[in-house]
Amino acid sequence: MADEKKQVPLRLSPQLYNALAAWAEDDFRSVNGQIEYLLNECVKQRKKDGKYVGQQIDAPLEIELGDTHA
């Protein structure tokens, strides 16, 4: 049971979820799989560089989802 994955509740804005879902579909992954993949890549990068990915990591995320005039 050492390989058992931890479950983590996660709240995402609808815009972020939709962006992740579209990205996951492009990469043939589930949304959960995409989030796990991205987190793994960030941790690898941090270990490689010895620092956080960017100084603006906590800045509010602005997502453009195309034409919003419907």
C-alpha atoms as a PDB file:
ATOM      1  CA  MET A   1       0.000   0.000   0.000  1.00  0.00           C
ATOM      2  CA  ALA A   2       3.037   2.304  -0.098  1.00  0.00           C
ATOM      3  CA  ASP A   3       2.176   3.273  -3.695  1.00  0.00           C
ATOM      4  CA  GLU A   4      -1.345   4.353  -2.793  1.00  0.00           C
ATOM      5  CA  LYS A   5      -2.048   7.889  -4.031  1.00  0.00           C
ATOM      6  CA  LYS A   6      -3.273  10.601  -1.702  1.00  0.00           C
ATOM      7  CA  GLN A   7      -6.572  12.291  -2.430  1.00  0.00           C
ATOM      8  CA  VAL A   8      -6.537  16.077  -2.218  1.00  0.00           C
ATOM      9  CA  PRO A   9      -9.668  18.204  -2.458  1.00  0.00           C
ATOM     10  CA  LEU A  10      -9.077  21.032  -4.913  1.00  0.00           C
ATOM     11  CA  ARG A  11     -11.211  24.053  -5.720  1.00  0.00           C
ATOM     12  CA  LEU A  12     -10.711  25.682  -9.102  1.00  0.00           C
ATOM     13  CA  SER A  13     -12.413  28.614 -10.753  1.00  0.00           C
ATOM     14  CA  PRO A  14     -14.612  27.623 -13.694  1.00  0.00           C
ATOM     15  CA  GLN A  15     -12.232  29.461 -16.048  1.00  0.00           C
ATOM     16  CA  LEU A  16      -9.172  27.596 -14.781  1.00  0.00           C
ATOM     17  CA  TYR A  17     -10.998  24.267 -14.861  1.00  0.00           C
ATOM     18  CA  ASN A  18     -12.138  24.857 -18.451  1.00  0.00           C
ATOM     19  CA  ALA A  19      -8.621  25.814 -19.525  1.00  0.00           C
ATOM     20  CA  LEU A  20      -7.175  22.705 -17.851  1.00  0.00           C
ATOM     21  CA  ALA A  21      -9.891  20.503 -19.361  1.00  0.00           C
ATOM     22  CA  ALA A  22      -9.143  21.781 -22.872  1.00  0.00           C
ATOM     23  CA  TRP A  23      -5.401  21.290 -22.330  1.00  0.00           C
ATOM     24  CA  ALA A  24      -5.973  17.797 -20.933  1.00  0.00           C
ATOM     25  CA  GLU A  25      -8.078  16.891 -23.964  1.00  0.00           C
ATOM     26  CA  ASP A  26      -5.304  18.107 -26.281  1.00  0.00           C
ATOM     27  CA  ASP A  27      -2.824  15.897 -24.394  1.00  0.00           C
ATOM     28  CA  PHE A  28      -5.236  12.909 -24.228  1.00  0.00           C
ATOM     29  CA  ARG A  29      -5.383  12.999 -20.423  1.00  0.00           C
ATOM     30  CA  SER A  30      -8.101  13.355 -17.821  1.00  0.00           C
ATOM     31  CA  VAL A  31      -8.256  16.667 -15.963  1.00  0.00           C
ATOM     32  CA  ASN A  32      -6.936  14.902 -12.872  1.00  0.00           C
ATOM     33  CA  GLY A  33      -4.129  13.343 -14.911  1.00  0.00           C
ATOM     34  CA  GLN A  34      -3.247  16.723 -16.403  1.00  0.00           C
ATOM     35  CA  ILE A  35      -3.083  18.396 -12.993  1.00  0.00           C
ATOM     36  CA  GLU A  36      -0.877  15.578 -11.682  1.00  0.00           C
ATOM     37  CA  TYR A  37       1.369  15.814 -14.758  1.00  0.00           C
ATOM     38  CA  LEU A  38       1.747  19.596 -14.398  1.00  0.00           C
ATOM     39  CA  LEU A  39       2.513  19.357 -10.688  1.00  0.00           C
ATOM     40  CA  ASN A  40       5.138  16.675 -11.356  1.00  0.00           C
ATOM     41  CA  GLU A  41       6.766  18.886 -14.006  1.00  0.00           C
ATOM     42  CA  CYS A  42       6.847  21.864 -11.613  1.00  0.00           C
ATOM     43  CA  VAL A  43       8.453  19.771  -8.868  1.00  0.00           C
ATOM     44  CA  LYS A  44      11.058  18.412 -11.319  1.00  0.00           C
ATOM     45  CA  GLN A  45      11.855  21.954 -12.475  1.00  0.00           C
ATOM     46  CA  ARG A  46      12.180  23.184  -8.892  1.00  0.00           C
ATOM     47  CA  LYS A  47      14.534  20.323  -8.017  1.00  0.00           C
ATOM     48  CA  LYS A  48      16.564  21.027 -11.168  1.00  0.00           C
ATOM     49  CA  ASP A  49      16.867  24.777 -10.585  1.00  0.00           C
ATOM     50  CA  GLY A  50      16.826  24.731  -6.801  1.00  0.00           C
ATOM     51  CA  LYS A  51      14.237  27.482  -6.784  1.00  0.00           C
ATOM     52  CA  TYR A  52      10.587  28.098  -7.454  1.00  0.00           C
ATOM     53  CA  VAL A  53       9.288  28.271 -11.014  1.00  0.00           C
ATOM     54  CA  GLY A  54       8.715  32.021 -10.978  1.00  0.00           C
ATOM     55  CA  GLN A  55       8.461  35.041  -8.742  1.00  0.00           C
ATOM     56  CA  GLN A  56       4.914  35.763  -9.933  1.00  0.00           C
ATOM     57  CA  ILE A  57       3.629  32.321  -8.857  1.00  0.00           C
ATOM     58  CA  ASP A  58       0.990  33.850  -6.560  1.00  0.00           C
ATOM     59  CA  ALA A  59      -0.190  36.508  -9.013  1.00  0.00           C
ATOM     60  CA  PRO A  60      -3.857  36.247 -10.021  1.00  0.00           C
ATOM     61  CA  LEU A  61      -4.344  34.139 -13.123  1.00  0.00           C
ATOM     62  CA  GLU A  62      -5.866  35.824 -16.141  1.00  0.00           C
ATOM     63  CA  ILE A  63      -7.320  33.400 -18.668  1.00  0.00           C
ATOM     64  CA  GLU A  64      -8.610  34.432 -22.075  1.00  0.00           C
ATOM     65  CA  LEU A  65     -11.201  31.961 -23.296  1.00  0.00           C
ATOM     66  CA  GLY A  66     -11.916  33.518 -26.661  1.00  0.00           C
ATOM     67  CA  ASP A  67     -14.955  35.538 -27.643  1.00  0.00           C
ATOM     68  CA  THR A  68     -17.125  36.219 -24.602  1.00  0.00           C
ATOM     69  CA  HIS A  69     -19.807  38.065 -26.586  1.00  0.00           C
ATOM     70  CA  ALA A  70     -22.556  35.496 -27.008  1.00  0.00           C
END
